[in-house]
Structures are given as structure tokens and as C-alpha cells.
Amino acid sequence: MAGPSLRPHVHWAQRHRELFLRVELSDVRNPDISITDNVLHFRAQGHGAKGDNIYEFEIEFLEPVEPKPVCRMTQRQLNITVQKKESNWWERLTKQEKRPLFLAPDFDRWLDESDAEMELKEKEEEKINKMKIESRVPKDPFKHLKKGYLIMYNLVQFLGFSWIFVNMTVRLFILGKGNTEIHLFSKMIGFLCLTDSFYDTFHTISDMMYFCQTLALMEIMNSLIGLVRSPLIPSVVQVFGRNFVLFVVLGTLEEMQSKPVVFFIFYFWSITELFRYPYYMLSCIGIEWKPLTWLRYTVWIPLYPLGGLAEAVCIVQSIPIFSETGKFSLGLPNPLNVTIQFPFVLQIYLIALFLGVFVNFRHLYKQRKHHLGPKKRKMK
């Protein structure tokens, strides 16, 4: 059976608007704290000067206070903050003139009235200075317009690449059943098997891919004008690299449009964007969905190198066709009096392609480390 309740040691301090009470109890359990008729009622079980027991006390404040105290428990003590109804300095804490034996000043937080006024004045000056600094920062009148534009841009791109992905997936599972003949994707990735349904990928998907990749040029413009904080070089490498393959290589050579490699290029591109654009769209409105964040900074690890490899295979397959047709090659005579064979340009582009993959891979890895890496703990 529990013994009679005891009074804990209580230390107090004040400011013009607040009262601070520090109750010397550790491992507090079942605290019951309330203010009724300007009297603070406290009852809790914890470990105090008389060991583990039930401790309680009452304090009738000198002047009116707000009826809702704020409590914060730690392992060693319990802190109570009470708001005064009027901002003034009390000559004592309790209505009774004689101070209760369990109550003592909290010298760790104790301030004289003059010191408290100085503290209050410093806080007011700090608040005024903060307001002045904020007022000096020019407000962007087009902030909401820019946010709306970015949301719509990412939404349109997401819908476009979603259509590409769904269309290709449906055709793969439906039309792919009609023929079981196996083809090699290329000598470099010969383990991939394709069906005849892949051969019309370009004619089915190209219009939407043209639209999405043309619209992607806006990402370079957004970075140039500072509308987004993404670095310029990775955006330029990705957008111009994809558009070169799409418009120059695939768009101008009918022989390349029926190649199975087109399916893999479009598929790798679309899967990557299915997570990138929704992530940025939600970021515009301050929403972070952790599973989407993880997917956005993880799926690129296998897909980005595979996409780069598919683009390289496409370039390699196009070189003999450009050599045979002579398309885009510059022969003599010409103002520069030089001969430029486009297949040689493509060979140079292959080197630039792998360098670009390395640059973007490094950039994406740094982003993944920043967003998904272990959080640094604050030093106490």
C-alpha cells in the first residue's frame, strides 16, 4: 500500500510574460497537472528526495494566469511553463506572503526585473530586425505563376511518358504472343530476346516521343533562367543526347526505325521518367513521398547505363547505313575545302556519349547520396 503523498522540491523563475517551474522528480509517471481558479494542482509518481513515491503540491499564484500549462518531462526533472494573463513583473510567486518550504528560486534561469526587461528588449529588437530584413527581400510577383508552370510541365511530361510506357507494355504482352522467333538485340547484349512485335515501335510511339523530347528542351531553359536549381550541364547532356538519337539517327533513317533497339531505347527512357517527373511535380508543392523519392534516386542505377548502352548500339548500327547513303556527309568542293564524313562524326559522338553517361552518372550518384544518404547528427 502506497504511503502518504510528499512534496517535491520546486524551483521557479519568471519573465514578464511567463513563469517557469522546475520539479525535481526523475522517472515521472502518471503526471496530473492542472490550473483551476488560479491554483496549480500537481500530482505525479516519481523518484524524488524521499525515493519513489507519489508527490503533490498546490500553488496559488499571485496574479491571474492562463489555465493551460505547458509541461515537458525529461528523465531527471519535469518542467512547467505557465503564461501570465498580463505582462508585468511579480514581486513573488504565491499569493501567500510566506514562501512555502518546498519552493525555491531557480538560479539557473533567475533574472532581476531590469535584466528581464533588457532580455525582452533584445527579443523585440531581434524581431524588428528580422522583419526589416524580410521586408528588404523583394517579393517575386510571379512566384505562383512559376510554380503553376512547373507543375503543369512535369504533369504533361509524366502523362506523355506514361502513355508511351503503357502502350509499349500492352503491345509487348498482347502482340508479342503471336511469334516466338528469337532475335538478338545486338552482339553486345545478345542475351536479350525480342519478338516481331517490337519492329513497329517507332511508327507507333514516335509522335508522342517527339512531343515529349521537344518539350524537354524547356528543362535547359528552366535551368538557364534560374527557374529550377538543377545544374545546366547534366540537363544539356541528357536532352541533346536523346534528341540527337531520336531526331537525327532514328528520325532520318527509315532503315533504323524498324530495328528492335528502338524498343529498348524508348522503354528505358520512359521508365526513368515515370518516377522523375512526379517527384519534381510534388516537390513544387512541398510534398515529399518517401517511396517515390527512393524510386526516383534508385531506378536510374540499372536503367541509365542500359539506356546509354542501347543508344550506343543504335549509333553503331546506323554507321554502315550513313556510310552507304552518304547522308549528312560533307564532301569536296565546299567553302572549307574539307571532307567530313558523318560516320566519323558518329564515332566521335560515341566517345562523347560514354563521357556524358559518366558525367550524368556521377551527378545522379551525388544527388542520391544527398537525398538518401545517412543524415548527419547535430552536435550537442
Foldseek 3Di string as FASTA:
>chain_A
DADDAAAFAWAWADAQWKIKIKTFFFPWDDWDWWADPQKIWTWIFGQGPVGTHIYIDMARFQADWDTDWDWDDDRGIIMIMTTRPGRDDDPDGGNDPDDDPSYYHDVVPYDDRVVSVVVVVVVVVVVVVVVVVVVVPDDDPCLVVLLVVLLVLLVVLLVLLVVLQVVLVVLCVPVQVPDDDFDALDPVRRVDTDGQSLQQSCVVNVVSVVVNLVSLVVVLVCCVVVSDVDDNVLSCLVSVLVCCLNCPQCVPDVVLSRRSLVSLLSNLVSVLSNLVSVQSSCVSVPDDDPVSVCCNLPVCPVSLVSNLVSSLVSLVVRLVVCVVVVPPWDDPDDPVRDTGGVSVVSVVVNVVSVVSSVVNVVVSVVVCCVPPNDDDDDDD
